[in-house]
Amino acid sequence: MTDNNLPEPGRPTPQSGPPQQPPPYQQAPGSNQPVPQKPTKGKVRQQQAGVTQPRQPTVAEQRARAAALKAQQEQFAAESAAFEKKRKTRKRLLIGGGVTVGVIALVAIWYAAASPKNVTAQCTDSNNVIVDDDYCDESYYRGHGGYSSGGFIYIGGSSYRYNYGASGSVGQKAVGGSYTIPKGANVTTKSGTSVQRGGFGVSSGSKSSGG
């Protein structure tokens, strides 16, 4: 009688429990093949001053740098030209303005010198009291037997003469003014009688004027 539980000859006997792992790989003695290594992640190399050599720029990079440098130089030249143009324009304006101001000043001075001043003459007696303009009028004093000499007008025993530029009214003492007729001025009395016509520094007076 045969036992069914006995293993057959030449068949491995089954074992109970978890399956066993194969033994680790071992290089055969005398083999020169390298042992395969596990792949490692890439590493960034650190650059060291004086040791690491810089990478030479490519042709495209060199052309790009040259184009950028040229554009920068052209921009600088354009800005310099624009600034110089503005400076020259401002200088011309200043010079032109100075010439214009100088011409205007000369014209103003010439006009002031050429334009005669208007001065009012008032007839005064020997006490510097303002009297009626008729006493200094030529037709009046000659019609009354008077005459003029040395800037004074004599009628009877009294003397009269013009005060130029004084303030005050008839019966009052003249305030300010001068007894010398101003040259180049238009001199008239308050009543409108012309004593002297001036202009461009040339004066002309009548026999009744003092001066």
N, C-alpha and C. Protein backbone atom coordinates (compact mmCIF):
# COMPACT_ATOMS: atom_id res chain seq x y z
N MET A 1 0.86 -1.18 0.00
CA MET A 1 0.00 0.00 0.00
C MET A 1 0.89 1.22 0.00
N THR A 2 0.49 2.15 -0.94
CA THR A 2 1.36 3.33 -1.13
C THR A 2 0.80 4.52 -0.41
N ASP A 3 1.70 5.31 0.27
CA ASP A 3 1.28 6.53 1.00
C ASP A 3 1.28 7.69 0.03
N ASN A 4 0.10 8.37 -0.13
CA ASN A 4 0.00 9.50 -1.09
C ASN A 4 0.72 10.73 -0.59
N ASN A 5 1.05 10.80 0.69
CA ASN A 5 1.68 12.00 1.22
C ASN A 5 3.18 12.02 1.04
N LEU A 6 3.76 10.98 0.56
CA LEU A 6 5.20 10.95 0.38
C LEU A 6 5.56 11.59 -0.93
N PRO A 7 6.60 12.38 -0.97
CA PRO A 7 6.99 13.05 -2.22
C PRO A 7 7.55 12.04 -3.19
N GLU A 8 7.33 12.41 -4.43
CA GLU A 8 7.86 11.57 -5.48
C GLU A 8 9.35 11.77 -5.55
N PRO A 9 9.99 10.76 -6.03
CA PRO A 9 11.46 10.91 -6.13
C PRO A 9 11.81 11.98 -7.16
N GLY A 10 12.76 12.87 -6.83
CA GLY A 10 13.21 13.93 -7.75
C GLY A 10 12.39 15.21 -7.71
N ARG A 11 11.26 15.29 -6.97
CA ARG A 11 10.42 16.50 -6.88
C ARG A 11 10.71 17.14 -5.54
N PRO A 12 10.90 18.50 -5.53
CA PRO A 12 11.19 19.17 -4.25
C PRO A 12 10.01 19.11 -3.33
N THR A 13 10.37 19.02 -2.12
CA THR A 13 9.33 18.92 -1.11
C THR A 13 8.74 20.29 -0.85
N PRO A 14 7.46 20.47 -0.97
CA PRO A 14 6.86 21.82 -0.70
C PRO A 14 7.03 22.21 0.75
N GLN A 15 7.29 23.51 0.93
CA GLN A 15 7.47 24.04 2.28
C GLN A 15 6.35 25.02 2.58
N SER A 16 5.99 24.98 3.77
CA SER A 16 4.94 25.91 4.20
C SER A 16 5.56 27.25 4.58
N GLY A 17 4.74 28.32 4.60
CA GLY A 17 5.23 29.65 4.98
C GLY A 17 5.41 30.56 3.77
N PRO A 18 5.84 31.83 3.97
CA PRO A 18 5.98 32.82 2.87
C PRO A 18 7.10 32.42 1.95
N PRO A 19 6.99 32.87 0.67
CA PRO A 19 8.06 32.52 -0.29
C PRO A 19 9.34 33.23 0.06
N GLN A 20 10.43 32.60 -0.19
CA GLN A 20 11.75 33.18 0.13
C GLN A 20 12.26 34.00 -1.04
N GLN A 21 12.95 35.18 -0.73
CA GLN A 21 13.53 36.06 -1.74
C GLN A 21 14.79 35.45 -2.27
N PRO A 22 15.10 35.72 -3.56
CA PRO A 22 16.35 35.20 -4.10
C PRO A 22 17.52 35.89 -3.45
N PRO A 23 18.67 35.25 -3.40
CA PRO A 23 19.85 35.88 -2.76
C PRO A 23 20.32 37.07 -3.59
N PRO A 24 20.94 38.06 -2.95
CA PRO A 24 21.43 39.25 -3.67
C PRO A 24 22.47 38.87 -4.69
N TYR A 25 22.55 39.80 -5.72
CA TYR A 25 23.50 39.53 -6.81
C TYR A 25 24.92 39.69 -6.29
N GLN A 26 25.74 38.76 -6.66
CA GLN A 26 27.16 38.83 -6.32
C GLN A 26 27.96 38.62 -7.59
N GLN A 27 28.93 39.52 -7.74
CA GLN A 27 29.77 39.43 -8.93
C GLN A 27 30.63 38.17 -8.86
N ALA A 28 30.66 37.54 -9.98
CA ALA A 28 31.45 36.29 -10.02
C ALA A 28 32.91 36.62 -9.83
N PRO A 29 33.63 35.78 -9.17
CA PRO A 29 35.06 36.04 -8.95
C PRO A 29 35.79 36.14 -10.29
N GLY A 30 36.65 37.19 -10.41
CA GLY A 30 37.45 37.37 -11.61
C GLY A 30 36.74 38.12 -12.71
N SER A 31 35.51 38.59 -12.50
CA SER A 31 34.79 39.34 -13.54
C SER A 31 35.16 40.80 -13.45
N ASN A 32 35.37 41.47 -14.62
CA ASN A 32 35.75 42.90 -14.67
C ASN A 32 34.58 43.81 -14.96
N GLN A 33 33.41 43.28 -15.12
CA GLN A 33 32.26 44.13 -15.41
C GLN A 33 31.89 44.95 -14.18
N PRO A 34 31.62 46.26 -14.36
CA PRO A 34 31.27 47.12 -13.20
C PRO A 34 29.91 46.78 -12.67
N VAL A 35 29.81 46.98 -11.40
CA VAL A 35 28.52 46.75 -10.75
C VAL A 35 27.60 47.90 -11.11
N PRO A 36 26.41 47.67 -11.64
CA PRO A 36 25.48 48.77 -11.99
C PRO A 36 25.14 49.61 -10.77
N GLN A 37 25.23 50.94 -10.94
CA GLN A 37 24.94 51.87 -9.85
C GLN A 37 23.54 52.45 -10.06
N LYS A 38 22.93 52.81 -8.96
CA LYS A 38 21.62 53.44 -9.03
C LYS A 38 21.78 54.85 -9.60
N PRO A 39 20.87 55.25 -10.47
CA PRO A 39 20.96 56.61 -11.04
C PRO A 39 20.80 57.68 -9.96
N THR A 40 21.61 58.72 -10.05
CA THR A 40 21.56 59.83 -9.08
C THR A 40 21.06 61.08 -9.76
N LYS A 41 20.51 61.97 -9.00
CA LYS A 41 19.99 63.24 -9.51
C LYS A 41 21.15 64.16 -9.89
N GLY A 42 20.91 65.07 -10.89
CA GLY A 42 21.94 66.02 -11.32
C GLY A 42 22.27 67.04 -10.25
N LYS A 43 23.48 67.45 -10.24
CA LYS A 43 23.94 68.44 -9.27
C LYS A 43 24.42 69.69 -10.00
N VAL A 44 24.21 70.89 -9.40
CA VAL A 44 24.67 72.16 -9.97
C VAL A 44 26.08 72.42 -9.48
N ARG A 45 26.94 72.63 -10.43
CA ARG A 45 28.32 72.88 -10.06
C ARG A 45 28.47 74.32 -9.56
N GLN A 46 29.17 74.52 -8.50
CA GLN A 46 29.44 75.83 -7.94
C GLN A 46 30.64 76.46 -8.63
N GLN A 47 30.47 77.73 -9.10
CA GLN A 47 31.57 78.43 -9.74
C GLN A 47 32.48 79.04 -8.69
N GLN A 48 33.75 78.91 -8.91
CA GLN A 48 34.74 79.45 -7.98
C GLN A 48 35.58 80.50 -8.71
N ALA A 49 35.76 81.65 -8.04
CA ALA A 49 36.52 82.74 -8.64
C ALA A 49 37.96 82.29 -8.88
N GLY A 50 38.44 82.56 -10.10
CA GLY A 50 39.80 82.22 -10.44
C GLY A 50 39.99 80.79 -10.86
N VAL A 51 38.93 79.97 -10.73
CA VAL A 51 39.04 78.55 -11.09
C VAL A 51 38.13 78.22 -12.25
N THR A 52 36.82 78.63 -12.08
CA THR A 52 35.86 78.34 -13.12
C THR A 52 36.06 79.28 -14.30
N GLN A 53 36.16 78.81 -15.49
CA GLN A 53 36.35 79.59 -16.70
C GLN A 53 34.98 79.98 -17.27
N PRO A 54 34.77 81.29 -17.60
CA PRO A 54 33.47 81.71 -18.16
C PRO A 54 33.24 81.10 -19.53
N ARG A 55 31.96 80.88 -19.81
CA ARG A 55 31.61 80.32 -21.10
C ARG A 55 31.71 81.37 -22.19
N GLN A 56 32.28 81.06 -23.29
CA GLN A 56 32.41 81.99 -24.40
C GLN A 56 31.04 82.25 -25.03
N PRO A 57 30.69 83.54 -25.29
CA PRO A 57 29.38 83.83 -25.88
C PRO A 57 29.30 83.28 -27.29
N THR A 58 28.11 82.92 -27.66
CA THR A 58 27.88 82.41 -29.00
C THR A 58 27.87 83.57 -30.00
N VAL A 59 27.86 83.23 -31.28
CA VAL A 59 27.83 84.26 -32.34
C VAL A 59 26.56 85.09 -32.24
N ALA A 60 25.44 84.43 -31.96
CA ALA A 60 24.17 85.16 -31.84
C ALA A 60 24.21 86.13 -30.66
N GLU A 61 24.79 85.67 -29.54
CA GLU A 61 24.89 86.55 -28.38
C GLU A 61 25.80 87.74 -28.66
N GLN A 62 26.91 87.50 -29.37
CA GLN A 62 27.81 88.59 -29.72
C GLN A 62 27.12 89.61 -30.62
N ARG A 63 26.35 89.14 -31.59
CA ARG A 63 25.63 90.06 -32.47
C ARG A 63 24.59 90.86 -31.71
N ALA A 64 23.88 90.21 -30.78
CA ALA A 64 22.87 90.91 -29.99
C ALA A 64 23.51 91.99 -29.11
N ARG A 65 24.65 91.67 -28.51
CA ARG A 65 25.34 92.67 -27.67
C ARG A 65 25.82 93.85 -28.51
N ALA A 66 26.36 93.56 -29.70
CA ALA A 66 26.84 94.63 -30.58
C ALA A 66 25.68 95.53 -31.02
N ALA A 67 24.52 94.92 -31.34
CA ALA A 67 23.36 95.70 -31.76
C ALA A 67 22.85 96.57 -30.62
N ALA A 68 22.83 96.03 -29.39
CA ALA A 68 22.38 96.81 -28.24
C ALA A 68 23.31 97.98 -27.96
N LEU A 69 24.64 97.73 -28.08
CA LEU A 69 25.61 98.80 -27.86
C LEU A 69 25.47 99.90 -28.92
N LYS A 70 25.26 99.51 -30.15
CA LYS A 70 25.08 100.49 -31.23
C LYS A 70 23.83 101.33 -31.02
N ALA A 71 22.74 100.67 -30.61
CA ALA A 71 21.49 101.40 -30.35
C ALA A 71 21.66 102.39 -29.20
N GLN A 72 22.39 101.98 -28.17
CA GLN A 72 22.64 102.87 -27.03
C GLN A 72 23.47 104.08 -27.44
N GLN A 73 24.48 103.86 -28.29
CA GLN A 73 25.32 104.95 -28.76
C GLN A 73 24.52 105.92 -29.63
N GLU A 74 23.65 105.38 -30.50
CA GLU A 74 22.83 106.24 -31.35
C GLU A 74 21.85 107.06 -30.52
N GLN A 75 21.27 106.47 -29.49
CA GLN A 75 20.36 107.21 -28.62
C GLN A 75 21.08 108.33 -27.88
N PHE A 76 22.29 108.04 -27.39
CA PHE A 76 23.07 109.06 -26.69
C PHE A 76 23.42 110.20 -27.63
N ALA A 77 23.80 109.88 -28.87
CA ALA A 77 24.16 110.92 -29.85
C ALA A 77 22.94 111.78 -30.18
N ALA A 78 21.75 111.16 -30.31
CA ALA A 78 20.54 111.92 -30.62
C ALA A 78 20.16 112.84 -29.47
N GLU A 79 20.27 112.35 -28.23
CA GLU A 79 19.95 113.19 -27.07
C GLU A 79 20.94 114.35 -26.95
N SER A 80 22.21 114.09 -27.23
CA SER A 80 23.21 115.16 -27.17
C SER A 80 22.94 116.22 -28.22
N ALA A 81 22.57 115.79 -29.43
CA ALA A 81 22.27 116.74 -30.50
C ALA A 81 21.05 117.58 -30.17
N ALA A 82 20.02 116.96 -29.60
CA ALA A 82 18.81 117.70 -29.22
C ALA A 82 19.11 118.71 -28.13
N PHE A 83 19.91 118.33 -27.15
CA PHE A 83 20.27 119.25 -26.07
C PHE A 83 21.07 120.44 -26.61
N GLU A 84 22.01 120.18 -27.51
CA GLU A 84 22.82 121.26 -28.09
C GLU A 84 21.96 122.20 -28.91
N LYS A 85 20.98 121.66 -29.63
CA LYS A 85 20.09 122.50 -30.42
C LYS A 85 19.26 123.41 -29.53
N LYS A 86 18.74 122.86 -28.44
CA LYS A 86 17.96 123.67 -27.50
C LYS A 86 18.83 124.75 -26.87
N ARG A 87 20.07 124.41 -26.55
CA ARG A 87 20.96 125.39 -25.93
C ARG A 87 21.25 126.56 -26.88
N LYS A 88 21.52 126.23 -28.15
CA LYS A 88 21.78 127.29 -29.13
C LYS A 88 20.55 128.16 -29.37
N THR A 89 19.38 127.51 -29.42
CA THR A 89 18.14 128.29 -29.61
C THR A 89 17.90 129.22 -28.44
N ARG A 90 18.09 128.72 -27.21
CA ARG A 90 17.90 129.55 -26.03
C ARG A 90 18.90 130.70 -26.00
N LYS A 91 20.13 130.45 -26.44
CA LYS A 91 21.15 131.49 -26.47
C LYS A 91 20.78 132.58 -27.47
N ARG A 92 20.28 132.15 -28.66
CA ARG A 92 19.87 133.14 -29.65
C ARG A 92 18.71 133.98 -29.14
N LEU A 93 17.77 133.32 -28.45
CA LEU A 93 16.64 134.07 -27.92
C LEU A 93 17.09 135.09 -26.87
N LEU A 94 18.03 134.67 -26.01
CA LEU A 94 18.52 135.59 -24.99
C LEU A 94 19.24 136.77 -25.62
N ILE A 95 20.08 136.47 -26.64
CA ILE A 95 20.80 137.55 -27.31
C ILE A 95 19.82 138.48 -28.01
N GLY A 96 18.85 137.87 -28.73
CA GLY A 96 17.86 138.68 -29.42
C GLY A 96 17.03 139.51 -28.45
N GLY A 97 16.67 138.87 -27.32
CA GLY A 97 15.92 139.62 -26.32
C GLY A 97 16.72 140.77 -25.74
N GLY A 98 18.03 140.52 -25.53
CA GLY A 98 18.88 141.60 -25.00
C GLY A 98 19.00 142.75 -25.98
N VAL A 99 19.15 142.40 -27.28
CA VAL A 99 19.23 143.46 -28.30
C VAL A 99 17.93 144.24 -28.36
N THR A 100 16.80 143.49 -28.29
CA THR A 100 15.49 144.16 -28.34
C THR A 100 15.31 145.10 -27.15
N VAL A 101 15.69 144.61 -25.97
CA VAL A 101 15.56 145.45 -24.77
C VAL A 101 16.46 146.68 -24.89
N GLY A 102 17.69 146.46 -25.43
CA GLY A 102 18.59 147.60 -25.61
C GLY A 102 18.05 148.63 -26.56
N VAL A 103 17.46 148.16 -27.68
CA VAL A 103 16.89 149.09 -28.65
C VAL A 103 15.71 149.84 -28.05
N ILE A 104 14.86 149.10 -27.33
CA ILE A 104 13.70 149.74 -26.70
C ILE A 104 14.16 150.79 -25.69
N ALA A 105 15.21 150.46 -24.92
CA ALA A 105 15.72 151.43 -23.94
C ALA A 105 16.25 152.68 -24.63
N LEU A 106 16.99 152.48 -25.74
CA LEU A 106 17.52 153.64 -26.47
C LEU A 106 16.39 154.49 -27.04
N VAL A 107 15.38 153.81 -27.59
CA VAL A 107 14.24 154.56 -28.14
C VAL A 107 13.52 155.32 -27.04
N ALA A 108 13.37 154.66 -25.87
CA ALA A 108 12.70 155.34 -24.76
C ALA A 108 13.48 156.56 -24.30
N ILE A 109 14.82 156.40 -24.23
CA ILE A 109 15.65 157.55 -23.82
C ILE A 109 15.56 158.67 -24.85
N TRP A 110 15.66 158.29 -26.14
CA TRP A 110 15.58 159.29 -27.19
C TRP A 110 14.23 159.99 -27.18
N TYR A 111 13.17 159.18 -26.98
CA TYR A 111 11.83 159.76 -26.96
C TYR A 111 11.66 160.71 -25.77
N ALA A 112 12.21 160.27 -24.63
CA ALA A 112 12.10 161.13 -23.45
C ALA A 112 12.87 162.43 -23.65
N ALA A 113 14.04 162.31 -24.31
CA ALA A 113 14.82 163.52 -24.55
C ALA A 113 14.19 164.39 -25.62
N ALA A 114 13.57 163.72 -26.63
CA ALA A 114 12.99 164.48 -27.73
C ALA A 114 11.63 165.07 -27.37
N SER A 115 10.91 164.42 -26.46
CA SER A 115 9.59 164.91 -26.09
C SER A 115 9.73 166.05 -25.08
N PRO A 116 9.28 167.23 -25.42
CA PRO A 116 9.41 168.37 -24.49
C PRO A 116 8.48 168.22 -23.31
N LYS A 117 8.89 168.71 -22.18
CA LYS A 117 8.08 168.70 -20.99
C LYS A 117 7.08 169.86 -21.04
N ASN A 118 5.97 169.67 -20.40
CA ASN A 118 4.97 170.73 -20.30
C ASN A 118 5.09 171.40 -18.94
N VAL A 119 5.41 172.67 -18.96
CA VAL A 119 5.62 173.42 -17.71
C VAL A 119 4.65 174.60 -17.70
N THR A 120 4.08 174.84 -16.53
CA THR A 120 3.14 175.96 -16.36
C THR A 120 3.88 177.16 -15.76
N ALA A 121 3.70 178.31 -16.40
CA ALA A 121 4.32 179.56 -15.92
C ALA A 121 3.26 180.42 -15.24
N GLN A 122 3.61 181.00 -14.10
CA GLN A 122 2.71 181.89 -13.37
C GLN A 122 3.42 183.22 -13.10
N CYS A 123 2.69 184.30 -13.34
CA CYS A 123 3.27 185.63 -13.16
C CYS A 123 3.27 185.99 -11.67
N THR A 124 4.42 186.44 -11.18
CA THR A 124 4.54 186.79 -9.75
C THR A 124 5.10 188.21 -9.63
N ASP A 125 4.83 188.85 -8.49
CA ASP A 125 5.36 190.19 -8.26
C ASP A 125 6.70 190.08 -7.53
N SER A 126 7.20 191.19 -7.06
CA SER A 126 8.51 191.20 -6.40
C SER A 126 8.51 190.47 -5.07
N ASN A 127 7.34 190.25 -4.50
CA ASN A 127 7.23 189.51 -3.24
C ASN A 127 6.93 188.02 -3.45
N ASN A 128 7.03 187.56 -4.69
CA ASN A 128 6.79 186.16 -5.04
C ASN A 128 5.33 185.77 -4.85
N VAL A 129 4.46 186.76 -4.99
CA VAL A 129 3.03 186.50 -4.89
C VAL A 129 2.49 186.36 -6.30
N ILE A 130 1.66 185.37 -6.51
CA ILE A 130 1.10 185.11 -7.84
C ILE A 130 0.06 186.17 -8.16
N VAL A 131 0.22 186.79 -9.36
CA VAL A 131 -0.72 187.80 -9.84
C VAL A 131 -1.33 187.31 -11.15
N ASP A 132 -2.20 188.15 -11.71
CA ASP A 132 -2.84 187.79 -12.96
C ASP A 132 -1.80 187.69 -14.07
N ASP A 133 -2.01 186.75 -14.99
CA ASP A 133 -1.05 186.52 -16.06
C ASP A 133 -0.87 187.74 -16.96
N ASP A 134 -1.85 188.64 -16.98
CA ASP A 134 -1.74 189.81 -17.86
C ASP A 134 -0.53 190.67 -17.53
N TYR A 135 -0.09 190.72 -16.28
CA TYR A 135 1.03 191.57 -15.89
C TYR A 135 2.34 191.12 -16.57
N CYS A 136 2.39 189.87 -16.97
CA CYS A 136 3.59 189.38 -17.64
C CYS A 136 3.38 189.23 -19.15
N ASP A 137 2.19 189.61 -19.65
CA ASP A 137 1.91 189.52 -21.07
C ASP A 137 2.47 190.74 -21.79
N GLU A 138 3.15 190.50 -22.91
CA GLU A 138 3.85 191.58 -23.62
C GLU A 138 2.89 192.67 -24.10
N SER A 139 1.79 192.26 -24.69
CA SER A 139 0.85 193.27 -25.20
C SER A 139 0.25 194.09 -24.07
N TYR A 140 0.08 193.48 -22.91
CA TYR A 140 -0.51 194.19 -21.78
C TYR A 140 0.46 195.22 -21.21
N TYR A 141 1.69 194.77 -20.84
CA TYR A 141 2.59 195.72 -20.20
C TYR A 141 3.06 196.81 -21.15
N ARG A 142 3.15 196.51 -22.47
CA ARG A 142 3.53 197.57 -23.41
C ARG A 142 2.38 198.57 -23.58
N GLY A 143 1.16 198.01 -23.52
CA GLY A 143 0.01 198.91 -23.62
C GLY A 143 -0.13 199.81 -22.41
N HIS A 144 0.52 199.44 -21.31
CA HIS A 144 0.47 200.26 -20.10
C HIS A 144 1.80 200.95 -19.84
N GLY A 145 2.59 201.13 -20.87
CA GLY A 145 3.85 201.86 -20.73
C GLY A 145 4.94 201.08 -20.04
N GLY A 146 4.82 199.79 -19.99
CA GLY A 146 5.85 198.99 -19.34
C GLY A 146 6.88 198.46 -20.32
N TYR A 147 7.88 197.76 -19.80
CA TYR A 147 8.93 197.17 -20.64
C TYR A 147 9.55 195.98 -19.88
N SER A 148 10.37 195.22 -20.58
CA SER A 148 11.03 194.05 -19.96
C SER A 148 12.53 194.20 -20.08
N SER A 149 13.24 193.72 -19.07
CA SER A 149 14.70 193.76 -19.07
C SER A 149 15.24 192.72 -18.09
N GLY A 150 16.13 191.89 -18.60
CA GLY A 150 16.78 190.88 -17.74
C GLY A 150 15.83 189.90 -17.12
N GLY A 151 14.73 189.61 -17.82
CA GLY A 151 13.78 188.65 -17.29
C GLY A 151 12.72 189.27 -16.41
N PHE A 152 12.82 190.57 -16.15
CA PHE A 152 11.84 191.27 -15.33
C PHE A 152 10.97 192.15 -16.24
N ILE A 153 9.72 192.35 -15.80
CA ILE A 153 8.78 193.22 -16.50
C ILE A 153 8.44 194.36 -15.56
N TYR A 154 8.60 195.58 -16.07
CA TYR A 154 8.39 196.76 -15.23
C TYR A 154 7.16 197.51 -15.74
N ILE A 155 6.25 197.72 -14.80
CA ILE A 155 5.05 198.52 -15.09
C ILE A 155 4.93 199.53 -13.95
N GLY A 156 5.12 200.80 -14.28
CA GLY A 156 5.09 201.81 -13.24
C GLY A 156 6.26 201.60 -12.29
N GLY A 157 5.99 201.47 -11.02
CA GLY A 157 7.03 201.25 -10.03
C GLY A 157 7.09 199.81 -9.56
N SER A 158 6.40 198.91 -10.23
CA SER A 158 6.38 197.50 -9.81
C SER A 158 7.08 196.63 -10.86
N SER A 159 7.57 195.49 -10.37
CA SER A 159 8.24 194.52 -11.26
C SER A 159 7.56 193.16 -11.14
N TYR A 160 7.58 192.48 -12.26
CA TYR A 160 6.94 191.16 -12.33
C TYR A 160 7.85 190.21 -13.14
N ARG A 161 7.64 188.94 -12.91
CA ARG A 161 8.36 187.95 -13.69
C ARG A 161 7.66 186.60 -13.57
N TYR A 162 7.99 185.71 -14.50
CA TYR A 162 7.37 184.39 -14.50
C TYR A 162 8.08 183.44 -13.54
N ASN A 163 7.27 182.65 -12.87
CA ASN A 163 7.79 181.51 -12.10
C ASN A 163 7.36 180.25 -12.86
N TYR A 164 8.32 179.37 -13.14
CA TYR A 164 8.05 178.19 -13.97
C TYR A 164 7.94 176.93 -13.10
N GLY A 165 6.72 176.40 -13.07
CA GLY A 165 6.48 175.15 -12.35
C GLY A 165 6.01 175.31 -10.92
N ALA A 166 5.75 176.54 -10.48
CA ALA A 166 5.31 176.73 -9.10
C ALA A 166 3.85 176.33 -8.95
N SER A 167 3.46 176.04 -7.71
CA SER A 167 2.07 175.74 -7.40
C SER A 167 1.47 176.89 -6.60
N GLY A 168 0.16 177.01 -6.68
CA GLY A 168 -0.51 178.09 -5.97
C GLY A 168 -1.48 178.82 -6.89
N SER A 169 -2.28 179.70 -6.31
CA SER A 169 -3.28 180.47 -7.05
C SER A 169 -3.01 181.96 -6.88
N VAL A 170 -3.74 182.76 -7.67
CA VAL A 170 -3.59 184.22 -7.62
C VAL A 170 -3.84 184.72 -6.19
N GLY A 171 -2.92 185.57 -5.70
CA GLY A 171 -3.03 186.11 -4.34
C GLY A 171 -2.22 185.28 -3.35
N GLN A 172 -1.74 184.14 -3.75
CA GLN A 172 -0.93 183.30 -2.86
C GLN A 172 0.53 183.35 -3.29
N LYS A 173 1.42 183.06 -2.32
CA LYS A 173 2.83 182.98 -2.66
C LYS A 173 3.10 181.71 -3.46
N ALA A 174 3.95 181.85 -4.46
CA ALA A 174 4.30 180.69 -5.29
C ALA A 174 5.15 179.72 -4.47
N VAL A 175 4.81 178.44 -4.58
CA VAL A 175 5.53 177.40 -3.85
C VAL A 175 6.30 176.57 -4.87
N GLY A 176 7.62 176.53 -4.69
CA GLY A 176 8.45 175.74 -5.58
C GLY A 176 8.67 176.44 -6.91
N GLY A 177 8.99 175.65 -7.91
CA GLY A 177 9.23 176.21 -9.23
C GLY A 177 10.60 176.86 -9.33
N SER A 178 10.83 177.51 -10.46
CA SER A 178 12.11 178.16 -10.71
C SER A 178 11.87 179.41 -11.56
N TYR A 179 12.77 180.41 -11.41
CA TYR A 179 12.66 181.64 -12.20
C TYR A 179 13.51 181.56 -13.47
N THR A 180 14.11 180.42 -13.68
CA THR A 180 14.87 180.19 -14.91
C THR A 180 14.02 179.32 -15.83
N ILE A 181 13.82 179.79 -17.03
CA ILE A 181 12.96 179.06 -17.95
C ILE A 181 13.63 177.75 -18.36
N PRO A 182 12.94 176.62 -18.26
CA PRO A 182 13.55 175.33 -18.62
C PRO A 182 13.75 175.22 -20.13
N LYS A 183 14.89 174.74 -20.52
CA LYS A 183 15.19 174.60 -21.94
C LYS A 183 14.48 173.39 -22.53
N GLY A 184 14.01 173.56 -23.75
CA GLY A 184 13.38 172.46 -24.45
C GLY A 184 12.03 172.07 -23.93
N ALA A 185 11.37 172.92 -23.14
CA ALA A 185 10.07 172.59 -22.57
C ALA A 185 8.98 173.44 -23.21
N ASN A 186 7.79 172.91 -23.22
CA ASN A 186 6.62 173.68 -23.64
C ASN A 186 6.10 174.43 -22.42
N VAL A 187 6.23 175.74 -22.46
CA VAL A 187 5.84 176.56 -21.32
C VAL A 187 4.60 177.36 -21.70
N THR A 188 3.55 177.19 -20.91
CA THR A 188 2.29 177.93 -21.11
C THR A 188 1.79 178.43 -19.77
N THR A 189 0.93 179.45 -19.85
CA THR A 189 0.30 179.95 -18.63
C THR A 189 -0.99 179.18 -18.38
N LYS A 190 -1.58 179.40 -17.20
CA LYS A 190 -2.84 178.74 -16.89
C LYS A 190 -3.97 179.21 -17.80
N SER A 191 -3.83 180.41 -18.31
CA SER A 191 -4.85 180.92 -19.23
C SER A 191 -4.66 180.42 -20.65
N GLY A 192 -3.55 179.67 -20.92
CA GLY A 192 -3.33 179.10 -22.23
C GLY A 192 -2.36 179.85 -23.10
N THR A 193 -1.77 180.94 -22.61
CA THR A 193 -0.80 181.70 -23.40
C THR A 193 0.52 180.95 -23.47
N SER A 194 1.05 180.83 -24.70
CA SER A 194 2.31 180.12 -24.87
C SER A 194 3.47 181.05 -24.58
N VAL A 195 4.34 180.64 -23.69
CA VAL A 195 5.52 181.42 -23.33
C VAL A 195 6.74 180.91 -24.10
N GLN A 196 6.83 179.58 -24.28
CA GLN A 196 7.94 178.98 -25.01
C GLN A 196 7.49 177.66 -25.61
N ARG A 197 7.91 177.43 -26.86
CA ARG A 197 7.65 176.14 -27.50
C ARG A 197 8.96 175.38 -27.58
N GLY A 198 8.98 174.20 -27.00
CA GLY A 198 10.21 173.41 -26.99
C GLY A 198 10.09 172.18 -27.86
N GLY A 199 11.23 171.54 -28.07
CA GLY A 199 11.25 170.30 -28.86
C GLY A 199 12.66 169.98 -29.28
N PHE A 200 13.09 168.73 -29.05
CA PHE A 200 14.41 168.25 -29.43
C PHE A 200 15.51 169.12 -28.84
N GLY A 201 15.23 169.68 -27.66
CA GLY A 201 16.26 170.45 -26.98
C GLY A 201 16.42 171.87 -27.49
N VAL A 202 15.58 172.30 -28.44
CA VAL A 202 15.67 173.66 -28.97
C VAL A 202 14.52 174.46 -28.41
N SER A 203 14.80 175.59 -27.81
CA SER A 203 13.78 176.40 -27.18
C SER A 203 13.65 177.72 -27.89
N SER A 204 12.47 178.28 -27.82
CA SER A 204 12.25 179.61 -28.40
C SER A 204 11.33 180.37 -27.46
N GLY A 205 11.62 181.57 -27.17
CA GLY A 205 10.82 182.32 -26.23
C GLY A 205 10.49 183.70 -26.77
N SER A 206 9.52 184.33 -26.19
CA SER A 206 9.12 185.68 -26.59
C SER A 206 9.84 186.70 -25.75
N LYS A 207 9.65 187.95 -26.09
CA LYS A 207 10.32 189.02 -25.34
C LYS A 207 9.77 189.13 -23.94
N SER A 208 8.61 188.56 -23.70
CA SER A 208 8.02 188.67 -22.38
C SER A 208 8.53 187.60 -21.44
N SER A 209 9.29 186.62 -21.96
CA SER A 209 9.75 185.53 -21.10
C SER A 209 10.98 185.94 -20.36
N GLY A 210 11.09 185.42 -19.14
CA GLY A 210 12.29 185.65 -18.36
C GLY A 210 13.25 184.52 -18.57
N GLY A 211 14.51 184.69 -18.28
CA GLY A 211 15.39 183.55 -18.38
C GLY A 211 16.83 183.97 -18.34
